[in-house]
Structure formats: structure tokens, C-alpha cells
Amino acid sequence: MELLVAYDISTETADGELRLRKVAKVCEAYGQRVQKSVFECLVNEVQFELLKRDLLAAIDERRDSVRVYRLREPHRRHMWVGGRRLRYDIHDVLVVTARADRE
């Protein structure tokens, strides 16, 4: 299933900054960032349950908010993007390479 994950983490304290990074790491494990606090994810039912568990473990439920929306499939038929469009397909293979100029 295709999901859209959006979050708003209170960063008024150092602990909030840490939670923000944790939530981003959780989302990166399941999908691709499309905006600063928005991810598109392609998961199965088990991964969806794990994603929810991991997100709840990373946030402070009294201060933070996470929303997960199931996208209508195929999402390209039901989506409009204005402005800068990221060019990737969540259904395609993602190749990660190391940069040669890093030490």
C-alpha cells in the first residue's frame, strides 16, 4: 500500500530536536522524503503496523502529531503537484552509492 506520512514535532526543547530526528529516521526506513516533514512510503500490512509502532515510540503523544494517509492507487492518477517535483518512482529500484569525495 502507498502511504503519505506527515508529522509536526514540537522542537522547543533539545528533547524535541532529538524526537524530530528519530521520526525522520523512522520514516526514511520506510519511504522517501518528498518535503521536510512529509514522506511517501510503499509498505505491506506488516510493515504498516511496524511503521505505526516505530512512530509512536519516537514521539511524545502530548506534544507531537503524526498523520498517516493511505493513498489511492495508483496515486499518480489522484495526485497533483505544483512547483518543484521530485523525480523518483517509489515503485522503482533505489540505488544508493557512496560519494567518492567523502573521507
PDB file of N, CA and C in Angstrom:
ATOM      1  N   MET A   1       0.836  -1.169   0.000  1.00  0.00           N
ATOM      2  CA  MET A   1       0.000   0.000   0.000  1.00  0.00           C
ATOM      3  C   MET A   1       0.881   1.232   0.000  1.00  0.00           C
ATOM      4  N   GLU A   2       0.358   2.288  -0.594  1.00  0.00           N
ATOM      5  CA  GLU A   2       1.086   3.550  -0.646  1.00  0.00           C
ATOM      6  C   GLU A   2       0.554   4.465   0.441  1.00  0.00           C
ATOM      7  N   LEU A   3       1.478   5.066   1.193  1.00  0.00           N
ATOM      8  CA  LEU A   3       1.111   5.921   2.316  1.00  0.00           C
ATOM      9  C   LEU A   3       1.768   7.276   2.179  1.00  0.00           C
ATOM     10  N   LEU A   4       1.136   8.272   2.775  1.00  0.00           N
ATOM     11  CA  LEU A   4       1.728   9.581   2.949  1.00  0.00           C
ATOM     12  C   LEU A   4       1.832   9.807   4.451  1.00  0.00           C
ATOM     13  N   VAL A   5       3.042  10.066   4.935  1.00  0.00           N
ATOM     14  CA  VAL A   5       3.276  10.296   6.357  1.00  0.00           C
ATOM     15  C   VAL A   5       3.686  11.754   6.531  1.00  0.00           C
ATOM     16  N   ALA A   6       2.963  12.460   7.394  1.00  0.00           N
ATOM     17  CA  ALA A   6       3.270  13.862   7.696  1.00  0.00           C
ATOM     18  C   ALA A   6       3.370  14.010   9.198  1.00  0.00           C
ATOM     19  N   TYR A   7       4.333  14.807   9.657  1.00  0.00           N
ATOM     20  CA  TYR A   7       4.494  14.949  11.099  1.00  0.00           C
ATOM     21  C   TYR A   7       4.818  16.380  11.474  1.00  0.00           C
ATOM     22  N   ASP A   8       4.457  16.704  12.722  1.00  0.00           N
ATOM     23  CA  ASP A   8       4.747  18.008  13.315  1.00  0.00           C
ATOM     24  C   ASP A   8       5.271  17.716  14.717  1.00  0.00           C
ATOM     25  N   ILE A   9       6.558  17.902  14.913  1.00  0.00           N
ATOM     26  CA  ILE A   9       7.207  17.588  16.180  1.00  0.00           C
ATOM     27  C   ILE A   9       7.561  18.895  16.882  1.00  0.00           C
ATOM     28  N   SER A  10       7.170  19.013  18.141  1.00  0.00           N
ATOM     29  CA  SER A  10       7.495  20.190  18.930  1.00  0.00           C
ATOM     30  C   SER A  10       9.001  20.219  19.191  1.00  0.00           C
ATOM     31  N   THR A  11       9.663  21.260  18.726  1.00  0.00           N
ATOM     32  CA  THR A  11      11.125  21.353  18.865  1.00  0.00           C
ATOM     33  C   THR A  11      11.531  22.489  19.789  1.00  0.00           C
ATOM     34  N   GLU A  12      10.707  22.785  20.761  1.00  0.00           N
ATOM     35  CA  GLU A  12      11.016  23.860  21.705  1.00  0.00           C
ATOM     36  C   GLU A  12      12.118  23.483  22.679  1.00  0.00           C
ATOM     37  N   THR A  13      12.410  22.190  22.808  1.00  0.00           N
ATOM     38  CA  THR A  13      13.453  21.715  23.721  1.00  0.00           C
ATOM     39  C   THR A  13      14.444  20.849  22.947  1.00  0.00           C
ATOM     40  N   ALA A  14      15.578  20.569  23.565  1.00  0.00           N
ATOM     41  CA  ALA A  14      16.573  19.681  22.958  1.00  0.00           C
ATOM     42  C   ALA A  14      15.984  18.282  22.753  1.00  0.00           C
ATOM     43  N   ASP A  15      15.131  17.860  23.677  1.00  0.00           N
ATOM     44  CA  ASP A  15      14.470  16.565  23.544  1.00  0.00           C
ATOM     45  C   ASP A  15      13.581  16.529  22.295  1.00  0.00           C
ATOM     46  N   GLY A  16      12.942  17.659  21.995  1.00  0.00           N
ATOM     47  CA  GLY A  16      12.120  17.755  20.799  1.00  0.00           C
ATOM     48  C   GLY A  16      12.941  17.631  19.528  1.00  0.00           C
ATOM     49  N   GLU A  17      14.110  18.252  19.519  1.00  0.00           N
ATOM     50  CA  GLU A  17      15.017  18.119  18.369  1.00  0.00           C
ATOM     51  C   GLU A  17      15.415  16.665  18.164  1.00  0.00           C
ATOM     52  N   LEU A  18      15.671  15.947  19.253  1.00  0.00           N
ATOM     53  CA  LEU A  18      16.021  14.532  19.177  1.00  0.00           C
ATOM     54  C   LEU A  18      14.848  13.717  18.631  1.00  0.00           C
ATOM     55  N   ARG A  19      13.632  13.999  19.096  1.00  0.00           N
ATOM     56  CA  ARG A  19      12.450  13.288  18.596  1.00  0.00           C
ATOM     57  C   ARG A  19      12.254  13.555  17.105  1.00  0.00           C
ATOM     58  N   LEU A  20      12.493  14.783  16.684  1.00  0.00           N
ATOM     59  CA  LEU A  20      12.357  15.133  15.272  1.00  0.00           C
ATOM     60  C   LEU A  20      13.279  14.279  14.416  1.00  0.00           C
ATOM     61  N   ARG A  21      14.529  14.147  14.846  1.00  0.00           N
ATOM     62  CA  ARG A  21      15.487  13.320  14.096  1.00  0.00           C
ATOM     63  C   ARG A  21      15.066  11.845  14.110  1.00  0.00           C
ATOM     64  N   LYS A  22      14.553  11.371  15.250  1.00  0.00           N
ATOM     65  CA  LYS A  22      14.115   9.974  15.343  1.00  0.00           C
ATOM     66  C   LYS A  22      12.953   9.688  14.400  1.00  0.00           C
ATOM     67  N   VAL A  23      11.993  10.595  14.368  1.00  0.00           N
ATOM     68  CA  VAL A  23      10.842  10.405  13.483  1.00  0.00           C
ATOM     69  C   VAL A  23      11.291  10.406  12.026  1.00  0.00           C
ATOM     70  N   ALA A  24      12.191  11.308  11.663  1.00  0.00           N
ATOM     71  CA  ALA A  24      12.702  11.336  10.289  1.00  0.00           C
ATOM     72  C   ALA A  24      13.413  10.028   9.951  1.00  0.00           C
ATOM     73  N   LYS A  25      14.207   9.499  10.876  1.00  0.00           N
ATOM     74  CA  LYS A  25      14.913   8.232  10.638  1.00  0.00           C
ATOM     75  C   LYS A  25      13.923   7.078  10.443  1.00  0.00           C
ATOM     76  N   VAL A  26      12.869   7.062  11.263  1.00  0.00           N
ATOM     77  CA  VAL A  26      11.842   6.021  11.107  1.00  0.00           C
ATOM     78  C   VAL A  26      11.236   6.114   9.712  1.00  0.00           C
ATOM     79  N   CYS A  27      10.852   7.311   9.315  1.00  0.00           N
ATOM     80  CA  CYS A  27      10.235   7.490   8.003  1.00  0.00           C
ATOM     81  C   CYS A  27      11.182   7.137   6.865  1.00  0.00           C
ATOM     82  N   GLU A  28      12.463   7.478   7.010  1.00  0.00           N
ATOM     83  CA  GLU A  28      13.453   7.145   5.982  1.00  0.00           C
ATOM     84  C   GLU A  28      13.588   5.636   5.809  1.00  0.00           C
ATOM     85  N   ALA A  29      13.339   4.875   6.867  1.00  0.00           N
ATOM     86  CA  ALA A  29      13.436   3.416   6.790  1.00  0.00           C
ATOM     87  C   ALA A  29      12.299   2.810   5.978  1.00  0.00           C
ATOM     88  N   TYR A  30      11.210   3.550   5.818  1.00  0.00           N
ATOM     89  CA  TYR A  30      10.037   3.014   5.137  1.00  0.00           C
ATOM     90  C   TYR A  30       9.699   3.714   3.832  1.00  0.00           C
ATOM     91  N   GLY A  31      10.321   4.865   3.547  1.00  0.00           N
ATOM     92  CA  GLY A  31       9.927   5.581   2.340  1.00  0.00           C
ATOM     93  C   GLY A  31      10.891   6.663   1.933  1.00  0.00           C
ATOM     94  N   GLN A  32      10.388   7.559   1.091  1.00  0.00           N
ATOM     95  CA  GLN A  32      11.184   8.636   0.522  1.00  0.00           C
ATOM     96  C   GLN A  32      10.632   9.981   0.996  1.00  0.00           C
ATOM     97  N   ARG A  33      11.526  10.889   1.391  1.00  0.00           N
ATOM     98  CA  ARG A  33      11.120  12.239   1.779  1.00  0.00           C
ATOM     99  C   ARG A  33      10.697  13.002   0.526  1.00  0.00           C
ATOM    100  N   VAL A  34       9.524  13.643   0.590  1.00  0.00           N
ATOM    101  CA  VAL A  34       9.058  14.469  -0.519  1.00  0.00           C
ATOM    102  C   VAL A  34       8.969  15.938  -0.120  1.00  0.00           C
ATOM    103  N   GLN A  35       8.902  16.211   1.171  1.00  0.00           N
ATOM    104  CA  GLN A  35       9.020  17.553   1.733  1.00  0.00           C
ATOM    105  C   GLN A  35       9.689  17.397   3.089  1.00  0.00           C
ATOM    106  N   LYS A  36       9.961  18.500   3.769  1.00  0.00           N
ATOM    107  CA  LYS A  36      10.736  18.411   5.010  1.00  0.00           C
ATOM    108  C   LYS A  36      10.139  17.454   6.029  1.00  0.00           C
ATOM    109  N   SER A  37       8.838  17.468   6.214  1.00  0.00           N
ATOM    110  CA  SER A  37       8.206  16.598   7.200  1.00  0.00           C
ATOM    111  C   SER A  37       7.142  15.708   6.563  1.00  0.00           C
ATOM    112  N   VAL A  38       7.350  15.352   5.299  1.00  0.00           N
ATOM    113  CA  VAL A  38       6.390  14.532   4.566  1.00  0.00           C
ATOM    114  C   VAL A  38       7.141  13.442   3.805  1.00  0.00           C
ATOM    115  N   PHE A  39       6.654  12.208   3.948  1.00  0.00           N
ATOM    116  CA  PHE A  39       7.258  11.064   3.279  1.00  0.00           C
ATOM    117  C   PHE A  39       6.200  10.288   2.517  1.00  0.00           C
ATOM    118  N   GLU A  40       6.589   9.715   1.372  1.00  0.00           N
ATOM    119  CA  GLU A  40       5.762   8.746   0.665  1.00  0.00           C
ATOM    120  C   GLU A  40       6.378   7.382   0.924  1.00  0.00           C
ATOM    121  N   CYS A  41       5.548   6.421   1.314  1.00  0.00           N
ATOM    122  CA  CYS A  41       6.033   5.095   1.673  1.00  0.00           C
ATOM    123  C   CYS A  41       5.268   4.033   0.900  1.00  0.00           C
ATOM    124  N   LEU A  42       5.943   2.976   0.568  1.00  0.00           N
ATOM    125  CA  LEU A  42       5.345   1.805  -0.062  1.00  0.00           C
ATOM    126  C   LEU A  42       5.591   0.640   0.881  1.00  0.00           C
ATOM    127  N   VAL A  43       4.526   0.127   1.527  1.00  0.00           N
ATOM    128  CA  VAL A  43       4.665  -0.894   2.557  1.00  0.00           C
ATOM    129  C   VAL A  43       3.598  -1.965   2.390  1.00  0.00           C
ATOM    130  N   ASN A  44       3.855  -3.111   3.014  1.00  0.00           N
ATOM    131  CA  ASN A  44       2.822  -4.136   3.103  1.00  0.00           C
ATOM    132  C   ASN A  44       2.130  -3.989   4.459  1.00  0.00           C
ATOM    133  N   GLU A  45       1.175  -4.854   4.758  1.00  0.00           N
ATOM    134  CA  GLU A  45       0.401  -4.737   6.003  1.00  0.00           C
ATOM    135  C   GLU A  45       1.285  -4.838   7.249  1.00  0.00           C
ATOM    136  N   VAL A  46       2.230  -5.773   7.242  1.00  0.00           N
ATOM    137  CA  VAL A  46       3.119  -5.951   8.397  1.00  0.00           C
ATOM    138  C   VAL A  46       3.996  -4.717   8.583  1.00  0.00           C
ATOM    139  N   GLN A  47       4.571  -4.216   7.488  1.00  0.00           N
ATOM    140  CA  GLN A  47       5.404  -3.023   7.571  1.00  0.00           C
ATOM    141  C   GLN A  47       4.604  -1.816   8.043  1.00  0.00           C
ATOM    142  N   PHE A  48       3.326  -1.739   7.661  1.00  0.00           N
ATOM    143  CA  PHE A  48       2.468  -0.644   8.112  1.00  0.00           C
ATOM    144  C   PHE A  48       2.312  -0.680   9.633  1.00  0.00           C
ATOM    145  N   GLU A  49       2.108  -1.850  10.184  1.00  0.00           N
ATOM    146  CA  GLU A  49       1.981  -1.980  11.638  1.00  0.00           C
ATOM    147  C   GLU A  49       3.303  -1.619  12.333  1.00  0.00           C
ATOM    148  N   LEU A  50       4.425  -2.060  11.744  1.00  0.00           N
ATOM    149  CA  LEU A  50       5.735  -1.717  12.309  1.00  0.00           C
ATOM    150  C   LEU A  50       6.002  -0.219  12.233  1.00  0.00           C
ATOM    151  N   LEU A  51       5.625   0.399  11.127  1.00  0.00           N
ATOM    152  CA  LEU A  51       5.793   1.843  10.972  1.00  0.00           C
ATOM    153  C   LEU A  51       5.025   2.584  12.062  1.00  0.00           C
ATOM    154  N   LYS A  52       3.772   2.217  12.286  1.00  0.00           N
ATOM    155  CA  LYS A  52       2.968   2.872  13.325  1.00  0.00           C
ATOM    156  C   LYS A  52       3.599   2.671  14.700  1.00  0.00           C
ATOM    157  N   ARG A  53       4.052   1.462  14.980  1.00  0.00           N
ATOM    158  CA  ARG A  53       4.699   1.185  16.269  1.00  0.00           C
ATOM    159  C   ARG A  53       5.939   2.048  16.443  1.00  0.00           C
ATOM    160  N   ASP A  54       6.775   2.101  15.404  1.00  0.00           N
ATOM    161  CA  ASP A  54       8.023   2.867  15.475  1.00  0.00           C
ATOM    162  C   ASP A  54       7.763   4.365  15.628  1.00  0.00           C
ATOM    163  N   LEU A  55       6.752   4.872  14.938  1.00  0.00           N
ATOM    164  CA  LEU A  55       6.421   6.292  15.053  1.00  0.00           C
ATOM    165  C   LEU A  55       5.925   6.630  16.450  1.00  0.00           C
ATOM    166  N   LEU A  56       5.050   5.791  17.004  1.00  0.00           N
ATOM    167  CA  LEU A  56       4.544   6.051  18.355  1.00  0.00           C
ATOM    168  C   LEU A  56       5.660   6.004  19.395  1.00  0.00           C
ATOM    169  N   ALA A  57       6.650   5.140  19.166  1.00  0.00           N
ATOM    170  CA  ALA A  57       7.776   5.042  20.095  1.00  0.00           C
ATOM    171  C   ALA A  57       8.682   6.273  20.008  1.00  0.00           C
ATOM    172  N   ALA A  58       8.670   6.955  18.869  1.00  0.00           N
ATOM    173  CA  ALA A  58       9.581   8.083  18.655  1.00  0.00           C
ATOM    174  C   ALA A  58       9.001   9.429  19.093  1.00  0.00           C
ATOM    175  N   ILE A  59       7.684   9.521  19.259  1.00  0.00           N
ATOM    176  CA  ILE A  59       7.080  10.818  19.546  1.00  0.00           C
ATOM    177  C   ILE A  59       6.654  10.946  21.002  1.00  0.00           C
ATOM    178  N   ASP A  60       6.364  12.175  21.379  1.00  0.00           N
ATOM    179  CA  ASP A  60       5.704  12.486  22.653  1.00  0.00           C
ATOM    180  C   ASP A  60       4.250  12.763  22.276  1.00  0.00           C
ATOM    181  N   GLU A  61       3.360  11.848  22.618  1.00  0.00           N
ATOM    182  CA  GLU A  61       1.967  11.952  22.176  1.00  0.00           C
ATOM    183  C   GLU A  61       1.250  13.185  22.716  1.00  0.00           C
ATOM    184  N   ARG A  62       1.772  13.825  23.743  1.00  0.00           N
ATOM    185  CA  ARG A  62       1.158  15.041  24.278  1.00  0.00           C
ATOM    186  C   ARG A  62       1.571  16.286  23.508  1.00  0.00           C
ATOM    187  N   ARG A  63       2.715  16.242  22.812  1.00  0.00           N
ATOM    188  CA  ARG A  63       3.259  17.427  22.145  1.00  0.00           C
ATOM    189  C   ARG A  63       3.337  17.309  20.631  1.00  0.00           C
ATOM    190  N   ASP A  64       3.464  16.094  20.115  1.00  0.00           N
ATOM    191  CA  ASP A  64       3.740  15.877  18.700  1.00  0.00           C
ATOM    192  C   ASP A  64       2.517  15.313  17.976  1.00  0.00           C
ATOM    193  N   SER A  65       2.549  15.413  16.664  1.00  0.00           N
ATOM    194  CA  SER A  65       1.469  14.887  15.843  1.00  0.00           C
ATOM    195  C   SER A  65       2.047  14.176  14.623  1.00  0.00           C
ATOM    196  N   VAL A  66       1.529  13.000  14.342  1.00  0.00           N
ATOM    197  CA  VAL A  66       1.902  12.249  13.143  1.00  0.00           C
ATOM    198  C   VAL A  66       0.607  11.816  12.469  1.00  0.00           C
ATOM    199  N   ARG A  67       0.545  12.018  11.159  1.00  0.00           N
ATOM    200  CA  ARG A  67      -0.618  11.581  10.384  1.00  0.00           C
ATOM    201  C   ARG A  67      -0.136  10.670   9.271  1.00  0.00           C
ATOM    202  N   VAL A  68      -0.874   9.575   9.073  1.00  0.00           N
ATOM    203  CA  VAL A  68      -0.571   8.637   8.001  1.00  0.00           C
ATOM    204  C   VAL A  68      -1.829   8.500   7.149  1.00  0.00           C
ATOM    205  N   TYR A  69      -1.687   8.790   5.865  1.00  0.00           N
ATOM    206  CA  TYR A  69      -2.794   8.703   4.925  1.00  0.00           C
ATOM    207  C   TYR A  69      -2.502   7.602   3.916  1.00  0.00           C
ATOM    208  N   ARG A  70      -3.479   6.777   3.675  1.00  0.00           N
ATOM    209  CA  ARG A  70      -3.337   5.769   2.621  1.00  0.00           C
ATOM    210  C   ARG A  70      -3.707   6.439   1.308  1.00  0.00           C
ATOM    211  N   LEU A  71      -2.794   6.359   0.337  1.00  0.00           N
ATOM    212  CA  LEU A  71      -3.017   6.990  -0.957  1.00  0.00           C
ATOM    213  C   LEU A  71      -3.852   6.076  -1.848  1.00  0.00           C
ATOM    214  N   ARG A  72      -4.695   6.686  -2.641  1.00  0.00           N
ATOM    215  CA  ARG A  72      -5.457   5.902  -3.605  1.00  0.00           C
ATOM    216  C   ARG A  72      -4.490   5.422  -4.677  1.00  0.00           C
ATOM    217  N   GLU A  73      -4.620   4.179  -5.043  1.00  0.00           N
ATOM    218  CA  GLU A  73      -3.682   3.616  -6.004  1.00  0.00           C
ATOM    219  C   GLU A  73      -4.348   3.470  -7.364  1.00  0.00           C
ATOM    220  N   PRO A  74      -3.672   3.765  -8.463  1.00  0.00           N
ATOM    221  CA  PRO A  74      -2.328   4.348  -8.495  1.00  0.00           C
ATOM    222  C   PRO A  74      -2.369   5.826  -8.121  1.00  0.00           C
ATOM    223  N   HIS A  75      -1.454   6.220  -7.239  1.00  0.00           N
ATOM    224  CA  HIS A  75      -1.513   7.577  -6.696  1.00  0.00           C
ATOM    225  C   HIS A  75      -1.298   8.652  -7.753  1.00  0.00           C
ATOM    226  N   ARG A  76      -0.603   8.356  -8.814  1.00  0.00           N
ATOM    227  CA  ARG A  76      -0.352   9.385  -9.842  1.00  0.00           C
ATOM    228  C   ARG A  76      -1.645   9.852 -10.498  1.00  0.00           C
ATOM    229  N   ARG A  77      -2.644   8.989 -10.537  1.00  0.00           N
ATOM    230  CA  ARG A  77      -3.937   9.386 -11.102  1.00  0.00           C
ATOM    231  C   ARG A  77      -4.692  10.307 -10.167  1.00  0.00           C
ATOM    232  N   HIS A  78      -4.373  10.303  -8.891  1.00  0.00           N
ATOM    233  CA  HIS A  78      -5.128  11.034  -7.893  1.00  0.00           C
ATOM    234  C   HIS A  78      -4.288  12.103  -7.194  1.00  0.00           C
ATOM    235  N   MET A  79      -3.201  12.539  -7.835  1.00  0.00           N
ATOM    236  CA  MET A  79      -2.284  13.473  -7.194  1.00  0.00           C
ATOM    237  C   MET A  79      -1.970  14.622  -8.145  1.00  0.00           C
ATOM    238  N   TRP A  80      -1.860  15.796  -7.572  1.00  0.00           N
ATOM    239  CA  TRP A  80      -1.427  16.964  -8.312  1.00  0.00           C
ATOM    240  C   TRP A  80      -0.264  17.571  -7.552  1.00  0.00           C
ATOM    241  N   VAL A  81       0.798  17.962  -8.268  1.00  0.00           N
ATOM    242  CA  VAL A  81       1.960  18.599  -7.652  1.00  0.00           C
ATOM    243  C   VAL A  81       2.194  19.926  -8.356  1.00  0.00           C
ATOM    244  N   GLY A  82       2.295  20.984  -7.575  1.00  0.00           N
ATOM    245  CA  GLY A  82       2.636  22.289  -8.116  1.00  0.00           C
ATOM    246  C   GLY A  82       4.036  22.662  -7.659  1.00  0.00           C
ATOM    247  N   GLY A  83       4.782  23.318  -8.496  1.00  0.00           N
ATOM    248  CA  GLY A  83       6.144  23.695  -8.108  1.00  0.00           C
ATOM    249  C   GLY A  83       7.132  22.568  -8.349  1.00  0.00           C
ATOM    250  N   ARG A  84       8.177  22.587  -7.568  1.00  0.00           N
ATOM    251  CA  ARG A  84       9.282  21.633  -7.719  1.00  0.00           C
ATOM    252  C   ARG A  84       8.793  20.208  -7.502  1.00  0.00           C
ATOM    253  N   ARG A  85       9.053  19.357  -8.451  1.00  0.00           N
ATOM    254  CA  ARG A  85       8.635  17.960  -8.378  1.00  0.00           C
ATOM    255  C   ARG A  85       9.876  17.076  -8.253  1.00  0.00           C
ATOM    256  N   LEU A  86       9.891  16.235  -7.218  1.00  0.00           N
ATOM    257  CA  LEU A  86      10.982  15.272  -7.081  1.00  0.00           C
ATOM    258  C   LEU A  86      10.817  14.192  -8.133  1.00  0.00           C
ATOM    259  N   ARG A  87      11.897  13.799  -8.711  1.00  0.00           N
ATOM    260  CA  ARG A  87      11.827  12.847  -9.814  1.00  0.00           C
ATOM    261  C   ARG A  87      12.299  11.469  -9.359  1.00  0.00           C
ATOM    262  N   TYR A  88      11.376  10.723  -8.811  1.00  0.00           N
ATOM    263  CA  TYR A  88      11.649   9.343  -8.454  1.00  0.00           C
ATOM    264  C   TYR A  88      10.337   8.590  -8.456  1.00  0.00           C
ATOM    265  N   ASP A  89      10.424   7.287  -8.537  1.00  0.00           N
ATOM    266  CA  ASP A  89       9.247   6.431  -8.529  1.00  0.00           C
ATOM    267  C   ASP A  89       9.396   5.484  -7.352  1.00  0.00           C
ATOM    268  N   ILE A  90       8.468   5.526  -6.386  1.00  0.00           N
ATOM    269  CA  ILE A  90       8.603   4.677  -5.204  1.00  0.00           C
ATOM    270  C   ILE A  90       8.467   3.201  -5.550  1.00  0.00           C
ATOM    271  N   HIS A  91       7.984   2.907  -6.750  1.00  0.00           N
ATOM    272  CA  HIS A  91       7.875   1.511  -7.182  1.00  0.00           C
ATOM    273  C   HIS A  91       9.154   1.018  -7.843  1.00  0.00           C
ATOM    274  N   ASP A  92      10.032   1.925  -8.207  1.00  0.00           N
ATOM    275  CA  ASP A  92      11.261   1.572  -8.907  1.00  0.00           C
ATOM    276  C   ASP A  92      12.363   1.237  -7.911  1.00  0.00           C
ATOM    277  N   VAL A  93      13.421   0.646  -8.396  1.00  0.00           N
ATOM    278  CA  VAL A  93      14.567   0.298  -7.572  1.00  0.00           C
ATOM    279  C   VAL A  93      15.319   1.571  -7.196  1.00  0.00           C
ATOM    280  N   LEU A  94      15.730   1.679  -5.937  1.00  0.00           N
ATOM    281  CA  LEU A  94      16.511   2.819  -5.462  1.00  0.00           C
ATOM    282  C   LEU A  94      17.950   2.355  -5.298  1.00  0.00           C
ATOM    283  N   VAL A  95      18.875   3.035  -5.962  1.00  0.00           N
ATOM    284  CA  VAL A  95      20.284   2.689  -5.890  1.00  0.00           C
ATOM    285  C   VAL A  95      20.993   3.759  -5.076  1.00  0.00           C
ATOM    286  N   VAL A  96      21.668   3.349  -4.008  1.00  0.00           N
ATOM    287  CA  VAL A  96      22.401   4.273  -3.157  1.00  0.00           C
ATOM    288  C   VAL A  96      23.881   4.000  -3.360  1.00  0.00           C
ATOM    289  N   THR A  97      24.640   5.070  -3.658  1.00  0.00           N
ATOM    290  CA  THR A  97      26.068   4.907  -3.869  1.00  0.00           C
ATOM    291  C   THR A  97      26.818   5.829  -2.921  1.00  0.00           C
ATOM    292  N   ALA A  98      28.044   5.451  -2.605  1.00  0.00           N
ATOM    293  CA  ALA A  98      28.892   6.292  -1.771  1.00  0.00           C
ATOM    294  C   ALA A  98      29.534   7.346  -2.660  1.00  0.00           C
ATOM    295  N   ARG A  99      29.636   8.567  -2.130  1.00  0.00           N
ATOM    296  CA  ARG A  99      30.307   9.621  -2.881  1.00  0.00           C
ATOM    297  C   ARG A  99      31.806   9.460  -2.742  1.00  0.00           C
ATOM    298  N   ALA A 100      32.505   9.604  -3.861  1.00  0.00           N
ATOM    299  CA  ALA A 100      33.956   9.418  -3.877  1.00  0.00           C
ATOM    300  C   ALA A 100      34.695  10.544  -3.147  1.00  0.00           C
ATOM    301  N   ASP A 101      34.103  11.736  -3.057  1.00  0.00           N
ATOM    302  CA  ASP A 101      34.810  12.872  -2.450  1.00  0.00           C
ATOM    303  C   ASP A 101      34.683  12.906  -0.930  1.00  0.00           C
ATOM    304  N   ARG A 102      33.990  11.950  -0.348  1.00  0.00           N
ATOM    305  CA  ARG A 102      33.885  11.886   1.124  1.00  0.00           C
ATOM    306  C   ARG A 102      35.106  11.196   1.708  1.00  0.00           C
ATOM    307  N   GLU A 103      35.501  11.637   2.874  1.00  0.00           N
ATOM    308  CA  GLU A 103      36.652  11.000   3.525  1.00  0.00           C
ATOM    309  C   GLU A 103      36.190  10.084   4.617  1.00  0.00           C
TER     310      GLU A 103
END
